[in-house]
Protein backbone atom coordinates (compact mmCIF):
# COMPACT_ATOMS: atom_id res chain seq x y z
CA UNK A 1 -24.59 16.94 9.03
CA UNK A 2 -21.24 18.61 9.67
CA UNK A 3 -20.12 22.21 9.87
CA UNK A 4 -17.21 22.97 7.52
CA UNK A 5 -14.99 26.00 7.99
CA UNK A 6 -12.68 26.90 5.10
CA UNK A 7 -10.08 29.59 4.50
CA UNK A 8 -6.99 30.25 2.39
CA UNK A 9 -3.66 30.77 4.18
CA UNK A 10 0.05 31.09 3.41
CA UNK A 11 2.21 28.00 3.89
CA UNK A 12 4.14 29.80 6.64
CA UNK A 13 0.90 30.09 8.66
CA UNK A 14 -0.14 26.45 8.29
CA UNK A 15 1.14 25.04 11.58
CA UNK A 16 -0.26 27.84 13.77
CA UNK A 17 -3.62 27.79 11.99
CA UNK A 18 -3.98 24.02 12.18
CA UNK A 19 -3.14 24.00 15.90
CA UNK A 20 -5.64 26.80 16.55
CA UNK A 21 -8.38 24.88 14.71
CA UNK A 22 -7.64 21.74 16.73
CA UNK A 23 -7.74 23.77 19.95
CA UNK A 24 -11.13 25.13 18.83
CA UNK A 25 -12.50 21.59 18.46
CA UNK A 26 -11.90 20.66 14.84
CA UNK A 27 -12.51 16.97 14.20
CA UNK A 28 -10.53 16.89 10.94
CA UNK A 29 -8.34 19.31 8.99
CA UNK A 30 -7.64 19.01 5.26
CA UNK A 31 -4.91 20.83 3.29
CA UNK A 32 -5.19 21.32 -0.48
CA UNK A 33 -3.36 23.35 -3.11
CA UNK A 34 -5.16 26.69 -3.35
CA UNK A 35 -4.12 26.79 -7.05
CA UNK A 36 -5.19 23.21 -7.80
CA UNK A 37 -7.29 24.28 -10.79
CA UNK A 38 -4.26 25.88 -12.42
CA UNK A 39 -1.96 23.38 -14.20
CA UNK A 40 1.43 24.00 -12.66
CA UNK A 41 4.13 22.05 -10.92
CA UNK A 42 3.11 23.17 -7.46
CA UNK A 43 0.23 20.67 -7.53
CA UNK A 44 2.72 17.78 -7.41
CA UNK A 45 5.29 17.75 -4.62
CA UNK A 46 8.14 15.41 -3.76
CA UNK A 47 8.92 16.02 -0.08
CA UNK A 48 11.99 14.59 1.57
CA UNK A 49 11.77 12.03 4.34
CA UNK A 50 9.99 13.54 7.34
CA UNK A 51 8.94 16.66 5.44
CA UNK A 52 5.34 17.81 4.99
CA UNK A 53 4.37 18.79 1.43
CA UNK A 54 3.06 22.35 1.37
CA UNK A 55 2.06 24.73 -1.39
CA UNK A 56 2.68 28.46 -1.35
CA UNK A 57 -1.00 29.07 -0.66
CA UNK A 58 -3.13 26.45 1.06
CA UNK A 59 -6.88 25.93 0.90
CA UNK A 60 -7.58 24.69 4.41
CA UNK A 61 -10.86 23.20 5.58
CA UNK A 62 -11.88 21.92 9.02
CA UNK A 63 -14.87 19.86 10.10
CA UNK A 64 -16.81 20.54 13.32
CA UNK A 65 -19.94 19.07 14.86
CA UNK A 66 -23.03 20.45 13.13
CA UNK A 67 -24.31 22.07 16.34
CA UNK A 68 -21.09 24.06 16.91
CA UNK A 69 -21.83 27.71 17.71
CA UNK A 70 -20.44 29.67 14.75
CA UNK A 71 -20.16 32.99 16.57
CA UNK A 72 -18.35 31.35 19.48
CA UNK A 73 -16.03 29.46 17.13
CA UNK A 74 -15.25 32.64 15.21
CA UNK A 75 -14.38 34.48 18.43
CA UNK A 76 -12.09 31.67 19.63
CA UNK A 77 -10.20 31.65 16.32
CA UNK A 78 -9.82 35.43 16.28
CA UNK A 79 -8.42 35.27 19.81
CA UNK A 80 -5.94 32.54 18.81
CA UNK A 81 -5.13 34.05 15.40
CA UNK A 82 -5.58 37.82 15.68
CA UNK A 83 -4.22 38.38 12.18
CA UNK A 84 -7.29 36.66 10.66
CA UNK A 85 -10.01 38.75 9.07
CA UNK A 86 -13.57 37.47 9.66
CA UNK A 87 -14.23 37.79 5.91
CA UNK A 88 -11.60 35.09 5.29
CA UNK A 89 -13.68 32.45 7.08
CA UNK A 90 -16.41 30.63 5.19
CA UNK A 91 -18.96 28.31 6.80
CA UNK A 92 -21.22 25.73 5.22
CA UNK A 93 -23.16 22.66 6.30
CA UNK A 94 -22.32 19.40 4.53
CA UNK A 95 -23.99 16.01 4.68
CA UNK A 96 -22.23 12.94 5.97
CA UNK A 97 -21.11 10.53 3.24
CA UNK A 98 -18.50 7.97 2.32
CA UNK A 99 -15.84 10.45 1.13
CA UNK A 100 -13.60 7.78 -0.45
CA UNK A 101 -16.49 6.81 -2.75
CA UNK A 102 -17.82 10.20 -3.84
CA UNK A 103 -15.45 10.41 -6.80
CA UNK A 104 -16.66 7.00 -8.07
CA UNK A 105 -19.81 8.71 -9.38
CA UNK A 106 -17.67 10.21 -12.16
CA UNK A 107 -15.51 7.13 -12.78
CA UNK A 108 -16.69 5.63 -16.08
CA UNK A 109 -15.31 2.81 -18.29
CA UNK A 110 -12.21 3.89 -20.22
CA UNK A 111 -10.38 2.36 -23.17
CA UNK A 112 -6.58 2.31 -23.52
CA UNK A 113 -4.91 1.24 -26.73
CA UNK A 114 -6.59 -1.33 -28.95
CA UNK A 115 -8.33 -3.71 -26.52
CA UNK A 116 -7.71 -2.75 -22.91
CA UNK A 117 -10.61 -1.39 -20.82
CA UNK A 118 -10.69 -0.24 -17.20
CA UNK A 119 -14.13 -0.64 -15.63
CA UNK A 120 -15.36 0.50 -12.22
CA UNK A 121 -16.14 -2.58 -10.17
CA UNK A 122 -19.85 -1.65 -10.11
CA UNK A 123 -20.25 -1.49 -13.92
CA UNK A 124 -21.15 -4.53 -15.98
CA UNK A 125 -18.87 -4.85 -19.03
CA UNK A 126 -20.51 -5.24 -22.46
CA UNK A 127 -20.84 -8.70 -23.98
CA UNK A 128 -20.58 -7.60 -27.62
CA UNK A 129 -16.78 -7.08 -27.68
CA UNK A 130 -15.23 -10.55 -27.53
CA UNK A 131 -11.66 -9.22 -27.92
CA UNK A 132 -11.94 -6.66 -25.11
CA UNK A 133 -9.54 -7.09 -22.17
CA UNK A 134 -11.37 -5.82 -19.09
CA UNK A 135 -9.95 -4.90 -15.69
CA UNK A 136 -12.53 -4.41 -12.92
CA UNK A 137 -11.21 -1.80 -10.50
CA UNK A 138 -11.99 -0.41 -7.07
CA UNK A 139 -8.93 1.69 -6.16
CA UNK A 140 -9.98 2.30 -2.56
CA UNK A 141 -7.46 4.70 -1.04
CA UNK A 142 -4.65 3.86 -3.49
CA UNK A 143 -3.48 5.76 -6.60
CA UNK A 144 -4.33 4.55 -10.08
CA UNK A 145 -7.57 4.39 -12.07
CA UNK A 146 -6.52 5.41 -15.57
CA UNK A 147 -7.96 8.90 -15.21
CA UNK A 148 -4.51 10.39 -14.54
CA UNK A 149 -2.34 10.98 -17.64
CA UNK A 150 0.61 9.00 -16.23
CA UNK A 151 -1.51 5.91 -15.63
CA UNK A 152 -3.09 6.25 -19.06
CA UNK A 153 0.35 6.47 -20.71
CA UNK A 154 1.47 3.27 -18.97
CA UNK A 155 -1.76 1.39 -19.79
CA UNK A 156 -1.45 2.28 -23.48
CA UNK A 157 2.16 1.08 -23.43
CA UNK A 158 1.17 -2.24 -21.87
CA UNK A 159 -1.59 -2.74 -24.44
CA UNK A 160 1.02 -2.47 -27.21
CA UNK A 161 3.29 -5.22 -25.81
CA UNK A 162 3.26 -8.96 -26.30
CA UNK A 163 3.06 -10.06 -22.65
CA UNK A 164 2.13 -13.69 -23.22
CA UNK A 165 3.98 -15.86 -20.69
CA UNK A 166 6.10 -12.94 -19.41
CA UNK A 167 6.94 -11.91 -15.85
CA UNK A 168 6.47 -8.20 -15.12
CA UNK A 169 7.45 -5.92 -12.23
CA UNK A 170 5.13 -3.02 -11.36
CA UNK A 171 7.08 -0.74 -9.01
CA UNK A 172 4.74 1.61 -7.17
CA UNK A 173 1.69 -0.54 -7.92
CA UNK A 174 -0.87 1.65 -6.12
CA UNK A 175 -4.34 0.27 -6.85
CA UNK A 176 -2.77 -2.52 -8.93
CA UNK A 177 -4.24 -1.22 -12.17
CA UNK A 178 -1.04 -1.72 -14.22
CA UNK A 179 -0.33 -5.11 -12.68
CA UNK A 180 -3.87 -6.31 -13.35
CA UNK A 181 -3.81 -4.97 -16.89
CA UNK A 182 -0.59 -6.89 -17.56
CA UNK A 183 -2.08 -10.11 -16.18
CA UNK A 184 -5.27 -9.70 -18.20
CA UNK A 185 -3.14 -9.01 -21.31
CA UNK A 186 -1.41 -12.35 -20.93
CA UNK A 187 1.48 -11.96 -18.46
CA UNK A 188 2.18 -15.18 -16.57
CA UNK A 189 3.14 -13.45 -13.33
CA UNK A 190 3.37 -9.91 -11.96
CA UNK A 191 5.29 -8.65 -8.95
CA UNK A 192 3.75 -5.52 -7.45
CA UNK A 193 5.86 -3.33 -5.16
CA UNK A 194 4.67 -0.39 -3.06
CA UNK A 195 5.71 1.27 0.20
CA UNK A 196 2.07 2.00 1.17
CA UNK A 197 0.26 -0.87 2.95
CA UNK A 198 -3.06 0.51 1.69
CA UNK A 199 -1.80 0.17 -1.88
CA UNK A 200 -0.76 -3.45 -1.33
CA UNK A 201 -4.18 -4.19 0.15
CA UNK A 202 -5.97 -2.47 -2.73
CA UNK A 203 -3.87 -4.40 -5.27
CA UNK A 204 -4.67 -7.69 -3.54
CA UNK A 205 -8.40 -6.93 -3.37
CA UNK A 206 -8.52 -5.91 -7.04
CA UNK A 207 -6.58 -9.01 -8.05
CA UNK A 208 -9.19 -11.17 -6.32
CA UNK A 209 -11.95 -9.17 -7.99
CA UNK A 210 -10.36 -10.00 -11.36
CA UNK A 211 -9.61 -13.66 -10.50
CA UNK A 212 -5.83 -13.24 -10.97
CA UNK A 213 -4.66 -13.16 -7.34
CA UNK A 214 -2.80 -16.45 -7.76
CA UNK A 215 -0.48 -14.78 -10.31
CA UNK A 216 0.22 -11.56 -8.39
CA UNK A 217 2.93 -11.31 -5.73
CA UNK A 218 3.05 -8.18 -3.57
CA UNK A 219 6.02 -6.76 -1.66
CA UNK A 220 7.18 -3.71 0.23
CA UNK A 221 10.33 -2.31 -1.46
CA UNK A 222 12.62 -3.51 1.32
CA UNK A 223 11.28 -7.07 1.00
CA UNK A 224 11.94 -7.49 -2.72
CA UNK A 225 15.32 -8.83 -3.80
CA UNK A 226 15.45 -7.22 -7.30
CA UNK A 227 15.03 -10.50 -9.18
CA UNK A 228 15.13 -9.46 -12.86
CA UNK A 229 11.89 -9.65 -14.86
CA UNK A 230 10.96 -9.78 -18.55
CA UNK A 231 9.11 -6.43 -18.43
CA UNK A 232 9.33 -3.49 -16.02
CA UNK A 233 7.07 -0.50 -15.34
CA UNK A 234 7.21 2.21 -12.63
CA UNK A 235 4.67 5.01 -12.34
CA UNK A 236 5.89 7.08 -9.38
CA UNK A 237 7.60 10.54 -9.37
CA UNK A 238 10.70 11.97 -11.01
CA UNK A 239 12.81 12.22 -7.84
CA UNK A 240 12.45 8.54 -6.85
CA UNK A 241 12.80 7.50 -10.50
CA UNK A 242 16.22 9.16 -10.61
CA UNK A 243 17.34 7.69 -7.29
CA UNK A 244 16.11 4.17 -8.07
CA UNK A 245 17.48 3.89 -11.62
CA UNK A 246 20.31 1.47 -10.65
CA UNK A 247 17.83 -0.73 -8.79
CA UNK A 248 15.44 -0.71 -11.72
CA UNK A 249 18.29 -1.74 -14.03
CA UNK A 250 18.97 -4.74 -11.77
CA UNK A 251 15.29 -5.63 -11.95
CA UNK A 252 15.29 -5.99 -15.76
CA UNK A 253 16.57 -8.88 -17.81
CA UNK A 254 18.74 -7.97 -20.82
CA UNK A 255 16.50 -6.69 -23.60
CA UNK A 256 13.51 -6.26 -21.27
CA UNK A 257 11.02 -3.55 -22.28
CA UNK A 258 10.64 -0.91 -19.58
CA UNK A 259 8.56 2.23 -19.00
CA UNK A 260 8.69 4.91 -16.33
CA UNK A 261 6.17 7.69 -15.75
CA UNK A 262 5.00 10.17 -13.15
CA UNK A 263 7.29 12.68 -14.88
CA UNK A 264 6.36 16.29 -15.50
CA UNK A 265 7.40 17.83 -18.80
CA UNK A 266 10.83 19.36 -18.29
CA UNK A 267 11.92 16.68 -15.82
CA UNK A 268 12.45 14.05 -18.52
CA UNK A 269 15.75 15.40 -19.93
CA UNK A 270 17.71 14.59 -16.77
CA UNK A 271 16.05 11.17 -16.53
CA UNK A 272 16.96 10.37 -20.13
CA UNK A 273 20.61 11.03 -19.31
CA UNK A 274 20.48 8.89 -16.17
CA UNK A 275 18.66 5.94 -17.74
CA UNK A 276 20.84 5.91 -20.86
CA UNK A 277 23.53 4.27 -18.70
CA UNK A 278 21.50 1.04 -18.57
CA UNK A 279 18.73 1.36 -21.17
CA UNK A 280 18.59 1.93 -24.92
CA UNK A 281 16.05 2.91 -27.62
CA UNK A 282 14.73 5.54 -25.23
CA UNK A 283 11.70 7.47 -26.42
CA UNK A 284 9.37 10.01 -24.86
CA UNK A 285 5.58 10.12 -25.02
CA UNK A 286 3.54 12.99 -23.61
CA UNK A 287 -0.04 13.54 -22.46
CA UNK A 288 -1.00 16.97 -21.16
CA UNK A 289 1.92 18.05 -18.90
CA UNK A 290 3.05 14.48 -18.18
CA UNK A 291 5.68 12.27 -19.79
CA UNK A 292 6.42 8.56 -20.17
CA UNK A 293 9.91 7.29 -21.02
CA UNK A 294 10.20 3.79 -22.42
CA UNK A 295 12.89 1.66 -24.02
CA UNK A 296 14.80 -1.58 -23.42
CA UNK A 297 17.43 -2.83 -20.99
CA UNK A 298 20.84 -2.96 -22.63
CA UNK A 299 22.17 -6.45 -23.33
């Protein structure tokens, strides 16, 4: 068992509060958007290099040993942070568990397009759908299961392409879900690129789980030389998509289909203008508050 202390604070108070909790013996501190249940742009942040993403109001929680004296802890925090009101602090006991796996209980098989399915690694696919294309997935600590609208938009786009014998680049591969889907849909080779070592490891592990590791190459962005591919997809965020547009253009052969996502509604107009320099037949697809832009590399 653990003792969890939670409270809501302003972003301007984050550093002082976190330091006070660490001084009081906190073993871990977690920061979340206090408005996470409200669909708005504050839930997705694009910090600059060296910046910490913060929301206007933060739901902060800290873990302590289960036998921590609550009254003593409360007094220490009030001494360190006199502006706190005792009513702001909420305690509860929580059981130890594998936190990276808890969400898997709600991860169920999902269909995208006509034949593509994403299955949790611990589910057995059905045998009565001979045309089904099945990706077995364990995302680990990396982004990408199909539950997020941006991933779903990209998976549906892939399902609608003829990928037989093609080479594809997946920039920002995360869990590898798009790369694996492309390989299972017939791509001859996929290059996955991500700046997070955990993502590259997750992509490799999932490729082995799906018996396609021999056709997946993985790189950090600085290690890839922008060799042009037949198909290109990037599911990241609007800021990097704008900055990396020239690089993405170099990574596409003339006429290559491409898709970008991770774009909030309202951010797509600027990206359409930027990408029109190198790409044509641009069209926008939307799911909830998220957008996918796809088209083709100009000849």
